[in-house]
Amino acid sequence: MRSAILGGLAAFFLLAATAPAVAAAPAKPLTPDQLSEALLTPSDLGEEYTENEKRYREALDSEAAHTPKCRSAIKALKPLVRSKAAAFIDKDGKPSGIRQFLISGTPAQLARWESAGKVMVRDCAGVKANTKTVRAGITKLSIGRFGSWTYGIRHRKTIPELSSKLTVASDVVLIGTENSVMLLVSNGFFGTFDPGLSKRAAKAAMQKLKDVQATAAE
């Protein structure tokens, strides 16, 4: 009798150990209020930053994208820049700052955005548009991995006759995590571009988003 009981227990634990784990249910999309709570504010970046009243909704203009393929890749980001969950922040007194656009959805709804990020890097990074008077081009931007995936590019343009400093520069960074996708666009004109702003903003933005996601999951 005892051996039968022990045998039964052994079989039970063996089945429990080999049974496939039940997958956790995917996180529900965040509500508009939760998305708003996850947005960056000027204070997240420092005392020198303020809200920008101008609502410029474009990742990279057609001239800066340079080529038809890159323009198409940037155009694919249009649904993101139309998001109502958006933040517009400038560095006080300077033509420099960052814009954030945030959306949330089901895994099926968000799946295409990682492909969009890959295409953006593939079709934009490496583009050059140098002339006798202008040096311009786009490179791949690596700021580290945030969330499930991160893709970025950096556009630079310099007019040497005017200044050795960058005339304009822009970062476009796409980040995906759980039930949300974020687009960050950092730029600066006439030597005011901050090359470290995208990474600082991504770090702060991801922490706020994770906090909101954690609260939503409770």
Protein backbone atom coordinates (compact mmCIF):
# COMPACT_ATOMS: atom_id res chain seq x y z
CA MET A 1 0.00 0.00 0.00
CA ARG A 2 2.77 2.35 1.01
CA SER A 3 4.68 1.67 -2.20
CA ALA A 4 1.55 2.34 -4.24
CA ILE A 5 1.06 5.73 -2.55
CA LEU A 6 4.70 6.65 -3.05
CA GLY A 7 4.49 5.59 -6.67
CA GLY A 8 1.41 7.73 -7.16
CA LEU A 9 3.07 10.75 -5.61
CA ALA A 10 6.15 10.28 -7.76
CA ALA A 11 4.02 10.15 -10.88
CA PHE A 12 2.17 13.32 -9.83
CA PHE A 13 5.35 15.30 -9.26
CA LEU A 14 6.81 14.02 -12.53
CA LEU A 15 3.76 15.20 -14.44
CA ALA A 16 3.83 18.56 -12.65
CA ALA A 17 7.49 19.04 -13.51
CA THR A 18 7.06 18.20 -17.17
CA ALA A 19 3.73 19.94 -17.80
CA PRO A 20 4.04 23.06 -19.98
CA ALA A 21 3.81 26.33 -18.11
CA VAL A 22 0.66 28.33 -18.66
CA ALA A 23 1.54 31.51 -20.52
CA ALA A 24 0.72 34.73 -18.73
CA ALA A 25 -2.05 36.75 -20.28
CA PRO A 26 -0.75 39.70 -22.30
CA ALA A 27 -0.97 43.07 -20.60
CA LYS A 28 -4.08 45.02 -21.47
CA PRO A 29 -3.63 48.26 -23.47
CA LEU A 30 -3.17 51.34 -21.32
CA THR A 31 -6.04 53.81 -21.10
CA PRO A 32 -5.69 57.41 -22.37
CA ASP A 33 -5.31 58.61 -18.77
CA GLN A 34 -2.57 56.06 -18.09
CA LEU A 35 -0.73 57.04 -21.26
CA SER A 36 -0.88 60.70 -20.19
CA GLU A 37 0.55 59.75 -16.80
CA ALA A 38 3.48 58.01 -18.52
CA LEU A 39 4.49 61.04 -20.59
CA LEU A 40 7.66 63.00 -19.95
CA THR A 41 7.46 66.39 -18.30
CA PRO A 42 10.13 69.12 -18.39
CA SER A 43 11.11 68.38 -14.79
CA ASP A 44 12.03 64.81 -15.78
CA LEU A 45 14.88 66.24 -17.88
CA GLY A 46 16.10 69.09 -15.72
CA GLU A 47 15.44 72.64 -14.56
CA GLU A 48 16.51 74.12 -17.89
CA TYR A 49 13.68 72.43 -19.80
CA THR A 50 10.23 73.88 -20.41
CA GLU A 51 7.06 72.89 -22.22
CA ASN A 52 7.03 73.78 -25.90
CA GLU A 53 3.72 75.33 -26.93
CA LYS A 54 4.41 74.53 -30.58
CA ARG A 55 3.07 71.08 -31.50
CA TYR A 56 5.36 70.01 -34.32
CA ARG A 57 4.27 66.51 -35.34
CA GLU A 58 6.92 65.14 -37.64
CA ALA A 59 9.72 62.66 -37.07
CA LEU A 60 11.97 63.91 -39.90
CA ASP A 61 11.11 66.19 -42.79
CA SER A 62 11.28 65.08 -46.40
CA GLU A 63 14.47 67.03 -47.15
CA ALA A 64 16.30 65.52 -44.17
CA ALA A 65 15.22 61.98 -45.12
CA HIS A 66 16.96 62.53 -48.50
CA THR A 67 15.97 59.35 -50.36
CA PRO A 68 12.62 57.84 -51.44
CA LYS A 69 13.18 54.71 -49.33
CA CYS A 70 14.04 56.68 -46.21
CA ARG A 71 11.11 59.05 -46.78
CA SER A 72 8.81 56.02 -47.01
CA ALA A 73 10.23 54.58 -43.77
CA ILE A 74 9.70 57.89 -41.96
CA LYS A 75 6.22 58.28 -43.43
CA ALA A 76 5.31 54.92 -41.88
CA LEU A 77 5.71 56.57 -38.45
CA LYS A 78 2.85 59.02 -39.12
CA PRO A 79 0.29 57.13 -36.97
CA LEU A 80 2.64 57.52 -34.01
CA VAL A 81 3.15 61.27 -34.37
CA ARG A 82 -0.64 61.71 -34.52
CA SER A 83 -1.05 60.17 -31.06
CA LYS A 84 -2.97 62.25 -28.54
CA ALA A 85 -0.53 61.03 -25.90
CA ALA A 86 2.35 63.36 -26.74
CA ALA A 87 4.86 65.60 -24.97
CA PHE A 88 6.68 68.60 -26.44
CA ILE A 89 9.68 69.85 -24.46
CA ASP A 90 12.30 72.48 -25.25
CA LYS A 91 15.50 73.58 -23.62
CA ASP A 92 14.74 77.02 -22.25
CA GLY A 93 15.96 79.78 -24.52
CA LYS A 94 17.42 77.47 -27.15
CA PRO A 95 16.09 75.93 -30.38
CA SER A 96 16.64 72.46 -28.97
CA GLY A 97 14.43 69.84 -27.34
CA ILE A 98 12.56 66.59 -27.56
CA ARG A 99 9.14 65.29 -28.57
CA GLN A 100 7.55 62.10 -27.29
CA PHE A 101 4.68 60.14 -28.82
CA LEU A 102 3.15 57.15 -27.07
CA ILE A 103 0.58 54.54 -28.10
CA SER A 104 -0.72 51.35 -26.50
CA GLY A 105 -2.49 48.28 -27.84
CA THR A 106 -2.60 44.51 -28.04
CA PRO A 107 0.45 42.50 -29.18
CA ALA A 108 -1.21 41.99 -32.56
CA GLN A 109 -1.83 45.73 -32.96
CA LEU A 110 1.75 46.66 -32.01
CA ALA A 111 3.64 43.90 -33.84
CA ARG A 112 4.22 45.98 -36.97
CA TRP A 113 6.16 48.69 -35.14
CA GLU A 114 9.29 46.60 -34.57
CA SER A 115 9.36 45.95 -38.31
CA ALA A 116 8.93 49.69 -38.88
CA GLY A 117 11.96 50.35 -36.68
CA LYS A 118 14.07 47.82 -38.55
CA VAL A 119 13.06 49.29 -41.91
CA MET A 120 13.83 52.81 -40.70
CA VAL A 121 17.38 51.80 -39.76
CA ARG A 122 17.85 49.73 -42.91
CA ASP A 123 16.64 52.39 -45.34
CA CYS A 124 17.86 55.55 -43.62
CA ALA A 125 21.14 54.75 -41.88
CA GLY A 126 24.05 55.25 -44.28
CA VAL A 127 22.28 57.82 -46.44
CA LYS A 128 24.55 60.72 -47.45
CA ALA A 129 23.61 63.97 -49.13
CA ASN A 130 26.85 65.95 -49.34
CA THR A 131 27.22 68.83 -51.77
CA LYS A 132 29.86 71.53 -52.32
CA THR A 133 28.25 73.67 -49.63
CA VAL A 134 26.52 71.18 -47.33
CA ARG A 135 27.54 68.06 -45.43
CA ALA A 136 24.53 65.96 -44.51
CA GLY A 137 23.69 62.37 -43.80
CA ILE A 138 22.03 59.81 -41.54
CA THR A 139 23.69 57.22 -39.32
CA LYS A 140 22.44 54.41 -37.12
CA LEU A 141 21.96 55.53 -33.53
CA SER A 142 22.68 53.19 -30.63
CA ILE A 143 21.53 54.40 -27.22
CA GLY A 144 21.30 50.97 -25.60
CA ARG A 145 18.33 48.66 -25.40
CA PHE A 146 15.22 49.96 -23.72
CA GLY A 147 12.14 47.76 -23.44
CA SER A 148 11.81 44.75 -25.74
CA TRP A 149 13.50 46.49 -28.67
CA THR A 150 15.02 49.84 -29.60
CA TYR A 151 15.86 51.30 -33.04
CA GLY A 152 17.29 54.72 -33.81
CA ILE A 153 18.84 56.97 -36.42
CA ARG A 154 20.62 60.34 -36.29
CA HIS A 155 20.48 63.00 -39.00
CA ARG A 156 23.19 65.67 -39.19
CA LYS A 157 23.55 68.68 -41.42
CA THR A 158 26.40 71.19 -41.46
CA ILE A 159 26.97 74.24 -43.66
CA PRO A 160 30.74 74.85 -43.26
CA GLU A 161 30.59 78.35 -44.76
CA LEU A 162 28.28 79.42 -41.95
CA SER A 163 29.77 77.47 -39.04
CA SER A 164 31.75 74.37 -38.20
CA LYS A 165 29.02 73.46 -35.72
CA LEU A 166 25.99 71.41 -36.69
CA THR A 167 23.37 73.53 -38.44
CA VAL A 168 20.71 70.98 -37.50
CA ALA A 169 20.67 67.48 -36.06
CA SER A 170 17.85 65.12 -35.17
CA ASP A 171 17.51 61.76 -33.45
CA VAL A 172 14.57 59.47 -34.19
CA VAL A 173 14.19 56.62 -31.70
CA LEU A 174 11.51 53.93 -31.67
CA ILE A 175 11.03 51.76 -28.56
CA GLY A 176 8.66 48.86 -27.89
CA THR A 177 7.78 47.38 -24.51
CA GLU A 178 4.92 45.06 -23.50
CA ASN A 179 1.71 46.85 -24.46
CA SER A 180 3.19 50.15 -25.65
CA VAL A 181 5.32 51.77 -28.35
CA MET A 182 7.16 55.06 -27.94
CA LEU A 183 8.66 57.46 -30.46
CA LEU A 184 11.24 60.00 -29.31
CA VAL A 185 12.42 62.81 -31.58
CA SER A 186 15.28 64.97 -30.30
CA ASN A 187 16.64 67.87 -32.33
CA GLY A 188 18.66 71.04 -32.15
CA PHE A 189 19.53 73.91 -34.46
CA PHE A 190 22.61 76.13 -34.87
CA GLY A 191 24.94 74.25 -32.55
CA THR A 192 22.40 73.57 -29.78
CA PHE A 193 21.91 69.83 -30.42
CA ASP A 194 22.48 67.69 -27.32
CA PRO A 195 23.74 64.24 -28.45
CA GLY A 196 23.01 62.71 -25.05
CA LEU A 197 19.42 63.90 -24.72
CA SER A 198 17.82 60.94 -26.50
CA LYS A 199 19.35 58.43 -24.12
CA ARG A 200 18.50 60.47 -21.01
CA ALA A 201 14.94 60.97 -22.23
CA ALA A 202 14.56 57.29 -23.11
CA LYS A 203 15.73 56.25 -19.65
CA ALA A 204 13.36 58.63 -17.88
CA ALA A 205 10.45 57.86 -20.20
CA MET A 206 10.84 54.09 -19.87
CA GLN A 207 10.90 54.30 -16.08
CA LYS A 208 7.66 56.29 -16.06
CA LEU A 209 6.06 53.89 -18.53
CA LYS A 210 7.12 50.82 -16.51
CA ASP A 211 5.70 52.37 -13.34
CA VAL A 212 2.36 52.98 -15.05
CA GLN A 213 2.32 49.47 -16.55
CA ALA A 214 3.04 47.96 -13.13
CA THR A 215 0.21 49.92 -11.52
CA ALA A 216 -2.17 48.97 -14.35
CA ALA A 217 -1.37 45.28 -13.86
CA GLU A 218 -2.30 45.30 -10.15
